[in-house]
Amino acid sequence: MANALDEETGPVKEEGRDINVIHKQIPVKVGTGSLVFEIILWVLFIIPGLIFLVKKIKAGTYLRQLEQKLQHDASQIDNYLEQRVVILQNLAKLVDKAVNLDKETFKDIALARSGKALTDDERNLQGTQVENMNTRLNVAIEAYPQLQAHQEIQDAIQQNSYLQKEITAAREVYNDTVNQWNRTIQIWPTYMIVAAKAGYTTRIPYSVSTEVKQQARGVFF
């Protein structure tokens, strides 16, 4: 039998295809078959019915704990984002002492330091704003070579680079937990039945904006 997907004979999309995160939450649903399954366990087999009840209780506990882990992982991203905004704020002040920095940078910093709890969409937006601030500061620093010898500016740049790595790692952890959640709630019968009764939906992983994607395709060297 030939390969269903044959990289030698195609079809091949020469221009390639971009990958996007689908921004959609899918509710978990079970059919009448699941209800019949539970009724049979209780009517014909009392002990298996009790066992399945215990398994559902444990499944519900696990899903609630996993939901709290999602909150924890999201909070870690928020913490690193806040630290990075503070670093960029300090860096902007240092640069502004030497050159006339775009005032929009300070406006964006003020917006990014709102201090409120963020939804996933707001967290993505804040990440984009921070990247835009970082880009403008880099442009300003590159335009004035004397700034690159300023020790405080160099220290702030290093801290900014470190925090960006931490944010990237935290987002990866968050996406791993989202993937674990999305896979678990689809496991039939126990988790899927519990998730459907609780009204759970799939979670949307972290994604970047179109603007950031376009910047990533740019020439940096």
N, C-alpha and C. Protein backbone atom coordinates (compact mmCIF):
# COMPACT_ATOMS: atom_id res chain seq x y z
N MET A 1 0.84 -1.19 0.00
CA MET A 1 0.00 0.00 0.00
C MET A 1 0.88 1.25 0.00
N ALA A 2 0.59 2.19 -0.87
CA ALA A 2 1.37 3.41 -0.97
C ALA A 2 1.08 4.34 0.21
N ASN A 3 2.03 5.24 0.47
CA ASN A 3 1.83 6.22 1.54
C ASN A 3 0.67 7.14 1.20
N ALA A 4 -0.20 7.38 2.20
CA ALA A 4 -1.32 8.30 1.98
C ALA A 4 -0.82 9.72 1.75
N LEU A 5 0.26 10.08 2.46
CA LEU A 5 0.89 11.38 2.28
C LEU A 5 2.29 11.15 1.72
N ASP A 6 2.46 11.43 0.45
CA ASP A 6 3.72 11.14 -0.22
C ASP A 6 4.43 12.45 -0.55
N GLU A 7 5.55 12.71 0.15
CA GLU A 7 6.26 13.96 -0.06
C GLU A 7 7.00 14.00 -1.40
N GLU A 8 7.09 12.85 -2.06
CA GLU A 8 7.79 12.80 -3.34
C GLU A 8 6.90 13.21 -4.51
N THR A 9 5.63 12.84 -4.44
CA THR A 9 4.73 13.10 -5.57
C THR A 9 3.73 14.22 -5.30
N GLY A 10 3.69 14.73 -4.10
CA GLY A 10 2.84 15.89 -3.81
C GLY A 10 1.40 15.52 -3.49
N PRO A 11 0.47 16.48 -3.63
CA PRO A 11 0.71 17.85 -4.11
C PRO A 11 1.53 18.69 -3.12
N VAL A 12 2.33 19.58 -3.67
CA VAL A 12 3.20 20.43 -2.87
C VAL A 12 2.79 21.89 -3.06
N LYS A 13 2.64 22.62 -1.95
CA LYS A 13 2.31 24.03 -2.02
C LYS A 13 3.62 24.81 -2.00
N GLU A 14 4.07 25.23 -3.16
CA GLU A 14 5.38 25.84 -3.31
C GLU A 14 5.54 27.10 -2.46
N GLU A 15 4.49 27.90 -2.37
CA GLU A 15 4.59 29.17 -1.64
C GLU A 15 4.49 28.99 -0.14
N GLY A 16 4.24 27.74 0.32
CA GLY A 16 4.13 27.49 1.75
C GLY A 16 2.79 27.94 2.31
N ARG A 17 2.61 27.76 3.60
CA ARG A 17 1.36 28.14 4.24
C ARG A 17 1.64 28.57 5.67
N ASP A 18 1.15 29.74 6.04
CA ASP A 18 1.35 30.23 7.41
C ASP A 18 0.46 29.45 8.38
N ILE A 19 0.87 29.41 9.63
CA ILE A 19 0.13 28.69 10.67
C ILE A 19 -0.44 29.70 11.65
N ASN A 20 -1.72 29.56 11.95
CA ASN A 20 -2.37 30.46 12.88
C ASN A 20 -3.10 29.68 13.96
N VAL A 21 -3.17 30.25 15.15
CA VAL A 21 -3.95 29.66 16.23
C VAL A 21 -5.42 30.00 16.01
N ILE A 22 -6.26 28.98 15.99
CA ILE A 22 -7.69 29.19 15.80
C ILE A 22 -8.29 29.70 17.10
N HIS A 23 -8.83 30.91 17.05
CA HIS A 23 -9.35 31.54 18.26
C HIS A 23 -10.81 31.11 18.49
N LYS A 24 -10.96 29.89 18.98
CA LYS A 24 -12.30 29.35 19.18
C LYS A 24 -12.30 28.38 20.35
N GLN A 25 -13.24 28.55 21.24
CA GLN A 25 -13.42 27.63 22.35
C GLN A 25 -14.53 26.63 21.98
N ILE A 26 -14.20 25.35 22.05
CA ILE A 26 -15.14 24.30 21.66
C ILE A 26 -15.73 23.65 22.91
N PRO A 27 -17.04 23.75 23.12
CA PRO A 27 -17.65 23.12 24.30
C PRO A 27 -17.62 21.61 24.20
N VAL A 28 -17.47 20.97 25.35
CA VAL A 28 -17.47 19.50 25.39
C VAL A 28 -18.93 19.02 25.42
N LYS A 29 -19.26 18.11 24.52
CA LYS A 29 -20.62 17.58 24.45
C LYS A 29 -20.57 16.06 24.39
N VAL A 30 -21.53 15.43 25.04
CA VAL A 30 -21.69 13.98 24.97
C VAL A 30 -23.11 13.68 24.50
N GLY A 31 -23.25 12.54 23.82
CA GLY A 31 -24.55 12.18 23.28
C GLY A 31 -25.34 11.28 24.21
N THR A 32 -26.43 10.78 23.70
CA THR A 32 -27.30 9.90 24.50
C THR A 32 -26.61 8.59 24.84
N GLY A 33 -25.61 8.23 24.04
CA GLY A 33 -24.87 6.99 24.31
C GLY A 33 -24.20 7.03 25.67
N SER A 34 -23.70 8.19 26.05
CA SER A 34 -23.05 8.32 27.36
C SER A 34 -24.06 8.17 28.48
N LEU A 35 -25.26 8.74 28.28
CA LEU A 35 -26.31 8.60 29.29
C LEU A 35 -26.74 7.15 29.43
N VAL A 36 -26.90 6.46 28.31
CA VAL A 36 -27.25 5.04 28.32
C VAL A 36 -26.18 4.23 29.03
N PHE A 37 -24.92 4.57 28.76
CA PHE A 37 -23.79 3.88 29.39
C PHE A 37 -23.87 3.98 30.91
N GLU A 38 -24.15 5.19 31.43
CA GLU A 38 -24.24 5.37 32.88
C GLU A 38 -25.45 4.64 33.46
N ILE A 39 -26.58 4.67 32.75
CA ILE A 39 -27.79 3.99 33.24
C ILE A 39 -27.55 2.49 33.34
N ILE A 40 -26.89 1.94 32.33
CA ILE A 40 -26.61 0.49 32.33
C ILE A 40 -25.75 0.12 33.52
N LEU A 41 -24.74 0.95 33.81
CA LEU A 41 -23.84 0.66 34.93
C LEU A 41 -24.62 0.59 36.24
N TRP A 42 -25.61 1.47 36.41
CA TRP A 42 -26.37 1.51 37.66
C TRP A 42 -27.47 0.44 37.70
N VAL A 43 -28.14 0.23 36.59
CA VAL A 43 -29.28 -0.69 36.59
C VAL A 43 -28.83 -2.15 36.61
N LEU A 44 -27.84 -2.46 35.78
CA LEU A 44 -27.43 -3.85 35.65
C LEU A 44 -26.23 -4.20 36.53
N PHE A 45 -25.38 -3.22 36.75
CA PHE A 45 -24.15 -3.52 37.50
C PHE A 45 -23.95 -2.43 38.56
N ILE A 46 -24.47 -2.63 39.75
CA ILE A 46 -24.43 -1.61 40.79
C ILE A 46 -23.00 -1.26 41.18
N ILE A 47 -22.18 -2.26 41.40
CA ILE A 47 -20.80 -2.00 41.83
C ILE A 47 -20.01 -1.22 40.78
N PRO A 48 -20.07 -1.61 39.48
CA PRO A 48 -19.40 -0.77 38.47
C PRO A 48 -19.94 0.66 38.44
N GLY A 49 -21.24 0.82 38.73
CA GLY A 49 -21.81 2.17 38.79
C GLY A 49 -21.17 2.99 39.89
N LEU A 50 -20.96 2.35 41.07
CA LEU A 50 -20.31 3.05 42.19
C LEU A 50 -18.86 3.37 41.86
N ILE A 51 -18.19 2.42 41.21
CA ILE A 51 -16.79 2.64 40.82
C ILE A 51 -16.70 3.82 39.85
N PHE A 52 -17.62 3.85 38.89
CA PHE A 52 -17.59 4.93 37.90
C PHE A 52 -17.90 6.27 38.55
N LEU A 53 -18.77 6.27 39.57
CA LEU A 53 -19.07 7.49 40.30
C LEU A 53 -17.82 8.03 40.99
N VAL A 54 -17.06 7.14 41.60
CA VAL A 54 -15.82 7.55 42.26
C VAL A 54 -14.83 8.10 41.24
N LYS A 55 -14.76 7.45 40.08
CA LYS A 55 -13.85 7.91 39.03
C LYS A 55 -14.26 9.30 38.54
N LYS A 56 -15.55 9.56 38.45
CA LYS A 56 -16.02 10.88 38.02
C LYS A 56 -15.66 11.95 39.05
N ILE A 57 -15.79 11.60 40.34
CA ILE A 57 -15.43 12.55 41.39
C ILE A 57 -13.95 12.89 41.31
N LYS A 58 -13.13 11.86 41.09
CA LYS A 58 -11.68 12.10 40.97
C LYS A 58 -11.37 12.91 39.71
N ALA A 59 -12.08 12.61 38.64
CA ALA A 59 -11.86 13.35 37.39
C ALA A 59 -12.22 14.82 37.56
N GLY A 60 -13.34 15.09 38.25
CA GLY A 60 -13.74 16.46 38.50
C GLY A 60 -12.71 17.21 39.33
N THR A 61 -12.16 16.53 40.33
CA THR A 61 -11.12 17.13 41.17
C THR A 61 -9.89 17.45 40.35
N TYR A 62 -9.49 16.50 39.50
CA TYR A 62 -8.30 16.70 38.67
C TYR A 62 -8.48 17.88 37.71
N LEU A 63 -9.65 17.99 37.10
CA LEU A 63 -9.89 19.08 36.16
C LEU A 63 -9.90 20.44 36.87
N ARG A 64 -10.44 20.48 38.07
CA ARG A 64 -10.42 21.73 38.83
C ARG A 64 -8.98 22.11 39.21
N GLN A 65 -8.17 21.11 39.56
CA GLN A 65 -6.78 21.38 39.88
C GLN A 65 -6.02 21.85 38.63
N LEU A 66 -6.33 21.23 37.50
CA LEU A 66 -5.68 21.62 36.25
C LEU A 66 -6.07 23.04 35.85
N GLU A 67 -7.32 23.41 36.16
CA GLU A 67 -7.77 24.77 35.88
C GLU A 67 -7.00 25.78 36.73
N GLN A 68 -6.72 25.41 37.98
CA GLN A 68 -5.93 26.29 38.84
C GLN A 68 -4.49 26.40 38.34
N LYS A 69 -3.97 25.30 37.78
CA LYS A 69 -2.61 25.36 37.22
C LYS A 69 -2.57 26.29 36.01
N LEU A 70 -3.63 26.29 35.21
CA LEU A 70 -3.71 27.23 34.09
C LEU A 70 -3.64 28.67 34.60
N GLN A 71 -4.35 28.95 35.69
CA GLN A 71 -4.32 30.27 36.28
C GLN A 71 -2.91 30.63 36.77
N HIS A 72 -2.27 29.65 37.40
CA HIS A 72 -0.91 29.87 37.91
C HIS A 72 0.05 30.16 36.76
N ASP A 73 -0.03 29.37 35.70
CA ASP A 73 0.87 29.56 34.56
C ASP A 73 0.64 30.90 33.89
N ALA A 74 -0.64 31.31 33.78
CA ALA A 74 -0.95 32.62 33.20
C ALA A 74 -0.41 33.73 34.08
N SER A 75 -0.49 33.55 35.41
CA SER A 75 0.01 34.55 36.35
C SER A 75 1.52 34.72 36.22
N GLN A 76 2.22 33.63 35.94
CA GLN A 76 3.67 33.71 35.76
C GLN A 76 4.01 34.59 34.57
N ILE A 77 3.25 34.45 33.48
CA ILE A 77 3.47 35.31 32.31
C ILE A 77 3.24 36.77 32.69
N ASP A 78 2.16 37.04 33.43
CA ASP A 78 1.85 38.40 33.86
C ASP A 78 2.99 38.99 34.69
N ASN A 79 3.53 38.17 35.60
CA ASN A 79 4.61 38.66 36.47
C ASN A 79 5.84 39.06 35.66
N TYR A 80 6.22 38.21 34.72
CA TYR A 80 7.39 38.52 33.89
C TYR A 80 7.12 39.71 32.98
N LEU A 81 5.90 39.81 32.46
CA LEU A 81 5.56 40.96 31.62
C LEU A 81 5.66 42.26 32.43
N GLU A 82 5.16 42.22 33.67
CA GLU A 82 5.21 43.42 34.51
C GLU A 82 6.65 43.82 34.78
N GLN A 83 7.50 42.83 35.09
CA GLN A 83 8.91 43.12 35.34
C GLN A 83 9.57 43.71 34.10
N ARG A 84 9.20 43.18 32.93
CA ARG A 84 9.81 43.67 31.70
C ARG A 84 9.36 45.09 31.40
N VAL A 85 8.11 45.39 31.69
CA VAL A 85 7.62 46.76 31.48
C VAL A 85 8.39 47.73 32.37
N VAL A 86 8.65 47.34 33.61
CA VAL A 86 9.41 48.19 34.53
C VAL A 86 10.82 48.42 33.99
N ILE A 87 11.45 47.36 33.51
CA ILE A 87 12.80 47.49 32.95
C ILE A 87 12.79 48.42 31.74
N LEU A 88 11.80 48.25 30.86
CA LEU A 88 11.71 49.11 29.68
C LEU A 88 11.42 50.55 30.07
N GLN A 89 10.66 50.73 31.12
CA GLN A 89 10.38 52.08 31.61
C GLN A 89 11.67 52.75 32.08
N ASN A 90 12.47 52.02 32.84
CA ASN A 90 13.75 52.56 33.31
C ASN A 90 14.70 52.82 32.13
N LEU A 91 14.70 51.89 31.17
CA LEU A 91 15.56 52.06 30.00
C LEU A 91 15.13 53.28 29.19
N ALA A 92 13.83 53.47 29.07
CA ALA A 92 13.32 54.62 28.31
C ALA A 92 13.74 55.93 28.97
N LYS A 93 13.73 55.97 30.29
CA LYS A 93 14.14 57.18 31.01
C LYS A 93 15.61 57.46 30.80
N LEU A 94 16.42 56.40 30.81
CA LEU A 94 17.86 56.58 30.59
C LEU A 94 18.14 57.09 29.18
N VAL A 95 17.44 56.50 28.20
CA VAL A 95 17.64 56.92 26.82
C VAL A 95 17.13 58.34 26.61
N ASP A 96 16.03 58.66 27.26
CA ASP A 96 15.43 59.98 27.09
C ASP A 96 16.33 61.09 27.61
N LYS A 97 17.18 60.77 28.59
CA LYS A 97 18.11 61.76 29.11
C LYS A 97 19.14 62.16 28.04
N ALA A 98 19.43 61.21 27.14
CA ALA A 98 20.45 61.46 26.12
C ALA A 98 19.86 61.91 24.79
N VAL A 99 18.68 61.43 24.46
CA VAL A 99 18.04 61.79 23.19
C VAL A 99 16.57 62.08 23.44
N ASN A 100 15.94 62.73 22.48
CA ASN A 100 14.51 63.03 22.59
C ASN A 100 13.72 61.80 22.14
N LEU A 101 13.35 60.98 23.11
CA LEU A 101 12.66 59.73 22.80
C LEU A 101 11.20 59.99 22.46
N ASP A 102 10.66 59.19 21.56
CA ASP A 102 9.26 59.29 21.15
C ASP A 102 8.35 59.19 22.38
N LYS A 103 7.52 60.20 22.60
CA LYS A 103 6.65 60.22 23.77
C LYS A 103 5.61 59.11 23.76
N GLU A 104 5.34 58.55 22.57
CA GLU A 104 4.39 57.44 22.49
C GLU A 104 4.90 56.24 23.28
N THR A 105 6.22 56.12 23.39
CA THR A 105 6.79 55.01 24.15
C THR A 105 6.35 55.08 25.61
N PHE A 106 6.37 56.27 26.19
CA PHE A 106 5.98 56.43 27.58
C PHE A 106 4.47 56.22 27.75
N LYS A 107 3.69 56.61 26.75
CA LYS A 107 2.25 56.38 26.80
C LYS A 107 1.95 54.88 26.81
N ASP A 108 2.66 54.14 25.96
CA ASP A 108 2.45 52.69 25.89
C ASP A 108 2.88 52.02 27.19
N ILE A 109 3.95 52.52 27.79
CA ILE A 109 4.41 51.96 29.07
C ILE A 109 3.35 52.18 30.15
N ALA A 110 2.77 53.36 30.18
CA ALA A 110 1.72 53.66 31.16
C ALA A 110 0.52 52.74 30.98
N LEU A 111 0.13 52.48 29.72
CA LEU A 111 -0.99 51.58 29.45
C LEU A 111 -0.66 50.15 29.86
N ALA A 112 0.58 49.73 29.61
CA ALA A 112 0.99 48.36 29.92
C ALA A 112 1.06 48.12 31.42
N ARG A 113 1.16 49.18 32.21
CA ARG A 113 1.26 49.04 33.66
C ARG A 113 -0.08 49.32 34.32
N SER A 114 -1.14 48.83 33.72
CA SER A 114 -2.49 49.06 34.26
C SER A 114 -2.69 48.37 35.60
N GLY A 115 -2.01 47.22 35.81
CA GLY A 115 -2.08 46.53 37.09
C GLY A 115 -3.30 45.65 37.28
N LYS A 116 -4.19 45.58 36.29
CA LYS A 116 -5.40 44.77 36.45
C LYS A 116 -5.16 43.34 36.00
N ALA A 117 -6.03 42.43 36.44
CA ALA A 117 -5.94 41.04 35.99
C ALA A 117 -6.27 40.98 34.50
N LEU A 118 -5.51 40.17 33.78
CA LEU A 118 -5.64 40.14 32.33
C LEU A 118 -6.36 38.89 31.85
N THR A 119 -7.16 39.06 30.80
CA THR A 119 -7.69 37.90 30.08
C THR A 119 -6.62 37.43 29.11
N ASP A 120 -6.85 36.28 28.47
CA ASP A 120 -5.87 35.77 27.50
C ASP A 120 -5.67 36.77 26.36
N ASP A 121 -6.76 37.36 25.86
CA ASP A 121 -6.65 38.33 24.77
C ASP A 121 -5.86 39.56 25.21
N GLU A 122 -6.15 40.06 26.42
CA GLU A 122 -5.45 41.24 26.92
C GLU A 122 -3.98 40.94 27.16
N ARG A 123 -3.69 39.72 27.58
CA ARG A 123 -2.30 39.32 27.81
C ARG A 123 -1.53 39.29 26.49
N ASN A 124 -2.15 38.77 25.45
CA ASN A 124 -1.53 38.77 24.13
C ASN A 124 -1.29 40.19 23.63
N LEU A 125 -2.29 41.06 23.85
CA LEU A 125 -2.17 42.45 23.42
C LEU A 125 -1.05 43.16 24.16
N GLN A 126 -0.95 42.91 25.47
CA GLN A 126 0.10 43.54 26.25
C GLN A 126 1.47 43.06 25.78
N GLY A 127 1.58 41.77 25.46
CA GLY A 127 2.83 41.25 24.94
C GLY A 127 3.25 41.95 23.66
N THR A 128 2.27 42.23 22.79
CA THR A 128 2.55 42.93 21.54
C THR A 128 2.99 44.36 21.81
N GLN A 129 2.33 45.03 22.76
CA GLN A 129 2.71 46.40 23.12
C GLN A 129 4.14 46.46 23.65
N VAL A 130 4.49 45.48 24.48
CA VAL A 130 5.83 45.44 25.05
C VAL A 130 6.86 45.26 23.94
N GLU A 131 6.57 44.37 22.98
CA GLU A 131 7.50 44.16 21.87
C GLU A 131 7.66 45.43 21.04
N ASN A 132 6.57 46.17 20.84
CA ASN A 132 6.65 47.42 20.08
C ASN A 132 7.50 48.45 20.82
N MET A 133 7.34 48.53 22.15
CA MET A 133 8.17 49.44 22.94
C MET A 133 9.64 49.05 22.82
N ASN A 134 9.89 47.75 22.91
CA ASN A 134 11.26 47.25 22.83
C ASN A 134 11.87 47.61 21.49
N THR A 135 11.10 47.48 20.41
CA THR A 135 11.61 47.79 19.07
C THR A 135 11.98 49.27 18.96
N ARG A 136 11.09 50.15 19.47
CA ARG A 136 11.36 51.59 19.38
C ARG A 136 12.61 51.97 20.18
N LEU A 137 12.79 51.36 21.34
CA LEU A 137 13.97 51.64 22.15
C LEU A 137 15.24 51.16 21.45
N ASN A 138 15.17 49.98 20.84
CA ASN A 138 16.34 49.46 20.10
C ASN A 138 16.72 50.38 18.96
N VAL A 139 15.71 50.89 18.25
CA VAL A 139 15.97 51.82 17.14
C VAL A 139 16.66 53.07 17.65
N ALA A 140 16.18 53.60 18.78
CA ALA A 140 16.78 54.82 19.35
C ALA A 140 18.22 54.58 19.78
N ILE A 141 18.47 53.43 20.40
CA ILE A 141 19.82 53.12 20.88
C ILE A 141 20.78 52.91 19.72
N GLU A 142 20.31 52.22 18.67
CA GLU A 142 21.16 51.99 17.50
C GLU A 142 21.48 53.29 16.76
N ALA A 143 20.57 54.26 16.84
CA ALA A 143 20.77 55.53 16.14
C ALA A 143 21.81 56.41 16.84
N TYR A 144 22.08 56.10 18.13
CA TYR A 144 23.04 56.91 18.88
C TYR A 144 24.08 55.96 19.49
N PRO A 145 25.17 55.69 18.76
CA PRO A 145 26.18 54.71 19.21
C PRO A 145 26.74 54.98 20.60
N GLN A 146 26.79 56.27 21.00
CA GLN A 146 27.35 56.58 22.31
C GLN A 146 26.54 55.99 23.46
N LEU A 147 25.24 55.72 23.19
CA LEU A 147 24.39 55.15 24.24
C LEU A 147 24.78 53.71 24.56
N GLN A 148 25.35 53.03 23.56
CA GLN A 148 25.68 51.62 23.75
C GLN A 148 26.82 51.42 24.74
N ALA A 149 27.58 52.49 25.02
CA ALA A 149 28.67 52.40 25.98
C ALA A 149 28.22 52.76 27.39
N HIS A 150 26.96 53.18 27.53
CA HIS A 150 26.43 53.57 28.84
C HIS A 150 26.15 52.30 29.64
N GLN A 151 26.82 52.14 30.80
CA GLN A 151 26.75 50.90 31.55
C GLN A 151 25.33 50.61 32.05
N GLU A 152 24.63 51.63 32.54
CA GLU A 152 23.27 51.41 33.05
C GLU A 152 22.34 50.97 31.92
N ILE A 153 22.53 51.53 30.74
CA ILE A 153 21.72 51.12 29.59
C ILE A 153 22.03 49.68 29.21
N GLN A 154 23.30 49.32 29.22
CA GLN A 154 23.68 47.95 28.90
C GLN A 154 23.10 46.96 29.91
N ASP A 155 23.14 47.34 31.19
CA ASP A 155 22.56 46.47 32.22
C ASP A 155 21.06 46.28 32.00
N ALA A 156 20.36 47.38 31.66
CA ALA A 156 18.92 47.29 31.42
C ALA A 156 18.62 46.43 30.20
N ILE A 157 19.45 46.54 29.16
CA ILE A 157 19.27 45.74 27.95
C ILE A 157 19.43 44.25 28.27
N GLN A 158 20.42 43.93 29.10
CA GLN A 158 20.64 42.53 29.48
C GLN A 158 19.47 41.99 30.30
N GLN A 159 18.98 42.80 31.22
CA GLN A 159 17.82 42.37 32.03
C GLN A 159 16.59 42.18 31.15
N ASN A 160 16.42 43.08 30.19
CA ASN A 160 15.30 42.98 29.25
C ASN A 160 15.38 41.69 28.43
N SER A 161 16.59 41.38 27.97
CA SER A 161 16.79 40.15 27.19
C SER A 161 16.51 38.91 28.04
N TYR A 162 16.95 38.94 29.29
CA TYR A 162 16.70 37.81 30.20
C TYR A 162 15.21 37.61 30.43
N LEU A 163 14.50 38.71 30.66
CA LEU A 163 13.06 38.61 30.94
C LEU A 163 12.29 38.13 29.71
N GLN A 164 12.74 38.52 28.52
CA GLN A 164 12.09 38.03 27.31
C GLN A 164 12.21 36.51 27.20
N LYS A 165 13.36 35.98 27.56
CA LYS A 165 13.54 34.52 27.56
C LYS A 165 12.62 33.85 28.58
N GLU A 166 12.49 34.49 29.75
CA GLU A 166 11.62 33.94 30.79
C GLU A 166 10.16 33.98 30.34
N ILE A 167 9.76 35.06 29.67
CA ILE A 167 8.38 35.16 29.17
C ILE A 167 8.12 34.07 28.13
N THR A 168 9.09 33.86 27.24
CA THR A 168 8.95 32.81 26.22
C THR A 168 8.80 31.44 26.87
N ALA A 169 9.62 31.17 27.89
CA ALA A 169 9.54 29.89 28.60
C ALA A 169 8.21 29.74 29.33
N ALA A 170 7.74 30.83 29.95
CA ALA A 170 6.47 30.79 30.68
C ALA A 170 5.31 30.55 29.73
N ARG A 171 5.36 31.15 28.55
CA ARG A 171 4.31 30.93 27.56
C ARG A 171 4.30 29.48 27.09
N GLU A 172 5.49 28.89 26.98
CA GLU A 172 5.56 27.49 26.57
C GLU A 172 4.94 26.58 27.63
N VAL A 173 5.21 26.88 28.90
CA VAL A 173 4.61 26.11 30.00
C VAL A 173 3.09 26.26 29.97
N TYR A 174 2.63 27.48 29.75
CA TYR A 174 1.18 27.73 29.68
C TYR A 174 0.55 26.94 28.54
N ASN A 175 1.19 26.97 27.37
CA ASN A 175 0.65 26.23 26.23
C ASN A 175 0.64 24.73 26.47
N ASP A 176 1.65 24.23 27.19
CA ASP A 176 1.67 22.80 27.53
C ASP A 176 0.47 22.44 28.42
N THR A 177 0.16 23.31 29.38
CA THR A 177 -0.97 23.06 30.26
C THR A 177 -2.29 23.16 29.50
N VAL A 178 -2.39 24.12 28.57
CA VAL A 178 -3.57 24.24 27.73
C VAL A 178 -3.75 22.96 26.91
N ASN A 179 -2.66 22.46 26.35
CA ASN A 179 -2.72 21.22 25.57
C ASN A 179 -3.16 20.04 26.44
N GLN A 180 -2.64 19.99 27.67
CA GLN A 180 -3.04 18.92 28.60
C GLN A 180 -4.53 19.00 28.92
N TRP A 181 -5.02 20.22 29.15
CA TRP A 181 -6.44 20.43 29.42
C TRP A 181 -7.28 20.01 28.23
N ASN A 182 -6.93 20.49 27.04
CA ASN A 182 -7.73 20.21 25.84
C ASN A 182 -7.78 18.71 25.52
N ARG A 183 -6.70 18.01 25.78
CA ARG A 183 -6.68 16.56 25.52
C ARG A 183 -7.47 15.80 26.59
N THR A 184 -7.33 16.23 27.84
CA THR A 184 -7.96 15.50 28.94
C THR A 184 -9.48 15.54 28.86
N ILE A 185 -10.04 16.72 28.56
CA ILE A 185 -11.51 16.84 28.56
C ILE A 185 -12.14 16.08 27.39
N GLN A 186 -11.32 15.55 26.48
CA GLN A 186 -11.86 14.77 25.37
C GLN A 186 -11.75 13.26 25.60
N ILE A 187 -11.28 12.86 26.79
CA ILE A 187 -11.14 11.44 27.09
C ILE A 187 -12.48 10.88 27.56
N TRP A 188 -13.03 9.96 26.77
CA TRP A 188 -14.31 9.33 27.11
C TRP A 188 -14.04 8.01 27.81
N PRO A 189 -14.86 7.63 28.81
CA PRO A 189 -16.10 8.29 29.19
C PRO A 189 -15.96 9.29 30.34
N THR A 190 -15.04 9.00 31.29
CA THR A 190 -15.04 9.71 32.57
C THR A 190 -14.87 11.22 32.41
N TYR A 191 -13.72 11.63 31.85
CA TYR A 191 -13.42 13.07 31.79
C TYR A 191 -14.39 13.81 30.88
N MET A 192 -14.74 13.18 29.79
CA MET A 192 -15.62 13.85 28.83
C MET A 192 -17.02 14.08 29.42
N ILE A 193 -17.53 13.10 30.13
CA ILE A 193 -18.85 13.24 30.77
C ILE A 193 -18.81 14.31 31.85
N VAL A 194 -17.76 14.29 32.67
CA VAL A 194 -17.62 15.29 33.73
C VAL A 194 -17.48 16.69 33.13
N ALA A 195 -16.65 16.81 32.09
CA ALA A 195 -16.43 18.12 31.46
C ALA A 195 -17.71 18.66 30.83
N ALA A 196 -18.47 17.77 30.19
CA ALA A 196 -19.73 18.19 29.55
C ALA A 196 -20.73 18.68 30.59
N LYS A 197 -20.85 17.96 31.70
CA LYS A 197 -21.79 18.36 32.75
C LYS A 197 -21.38 19.67 33.41
N ALA A 198 -20.06 19.89 33.48
CA ALA A 198 -19.56 21.12 34.10
C ALA A 198 -19.58 22.31 33.13
N GLY A 199 -19.84 22.04 31.85
CA GLY A 199 -19.86 23.12 30.86
C GLY A 199 -18.49 23.59 30.44
N TYR A 200 -17.48 22.72 30.55
CA TYR A 200 -16.12 23.10 30.18
C TYR A 200 -15.97 23.21 28.67
N THR A 201 -15.02 24.04 28.26
CA THR A 201 -14.68 24.16 26.84
C THR A 201 -13.17 24.01 26.69
N THR A 202 -12.73 23.87 25.44
CA THR A 202 -11.30 23.87 25.18
C THR A 202 -10.73 25.25 25.47
N ARG A 203 -9.44 25.32 25.73
CA ARG A 203 -8.76 26.59 25.98
C ARG A 203 -7.93 26.97 24.75
N ILE A 204 -7.73 28.27 24.57
CA ILE A 204 -6.98 28.77 23.42
C ILE A 204 -5.53 29.02 23.84
N PRO A 205 -4.57 28.41 23.16
CA PRO A 205 -3.16 28.63 23.52
C PRO A 205 -2.70 30.04 23.18
N TYR A 206 -1.55 30.39 23.71
CA TYR A 206 -0.98 31.71 23.43
C TYR A 206 -0.67 31.83 21.94
N SER A 207 -0.92 33.01 21.39
CA SER A 207 -0.59 33.28 19.99
C SER A 207 -0.05 34.69 19.87
N VAL A 208 0.68 34.96 18.81
CA VAL A 208 1.24 36.29 18.59
C VAL A 208 0.42 37.03 17.55
N SER A 209 0.56 38.33 17.53
CA SER A 209 -0.20 39.14 16.58
C SER A 209 0.41 39.05 15.19
N THR A 210 -0.36 39.48 14.20
CA THR A 210 0.12 39.52 12.81
C THR A 210 1.32 40.44 12.69
N GLU A 211 1.31 41.52 13.45
CA GLU A 211 2.41 42.49 13.39
C GLU A 211 3.72 41.85 13.84
N VAL A 212 3.67 41.06 14.92
CA VAL A 212 4.87 40.39 15.41
C VAL A 212 5.36 39.37 14.40
N LYS A 213 4.43 38.65 13.77
CA LYS A 213 4.81 37.67 12.76
C LYS A 213 5.54 38.35 11.61
N GLN A 214 5.04 39.49 11.19
CA GLN A 214 5.67 40.22 10.10
C GLN A 214 7.06 40.70 10.49
N GLN A 215 7.20 41.15 11.73
CA GLN A 215 8.52 41.58 12.22
C GLN A 215 9.49 40.42 12.23
N ALA A 216 9.00 39.22 12.58
CA ALA A 216 9.87 38.04 12.65
C ALA A 216 10.42 37.66 11.28
N ARG A 217 9.72 38.07 10.22
CA ARG A 217 10.19 37.76 8.86
C ARG A 217 11.18 38.80 8.33
N GLY A 218 11.42 39.83 9.13
CA GLY A 218 12.31 40.89 8.70
C GLY A 218 13.77 40.46 8.71
N VAL A 219 14.62 41.31 8.15
CA VAL A 219 16.06 41.07 8.12
C VAL A 219 16.69 41.83 9.27
N PHE A 220 17.40 41.12 10.15
CA PHE A 220 17.95 41.75 11.34
C PHE A 220 19.47 41.93 11.25
N PHE A 221 20.11 41.20 10.36
CA PHE A 221 21.57 41.27 10.27
C PHE A 221 21.99 41.55 8.83
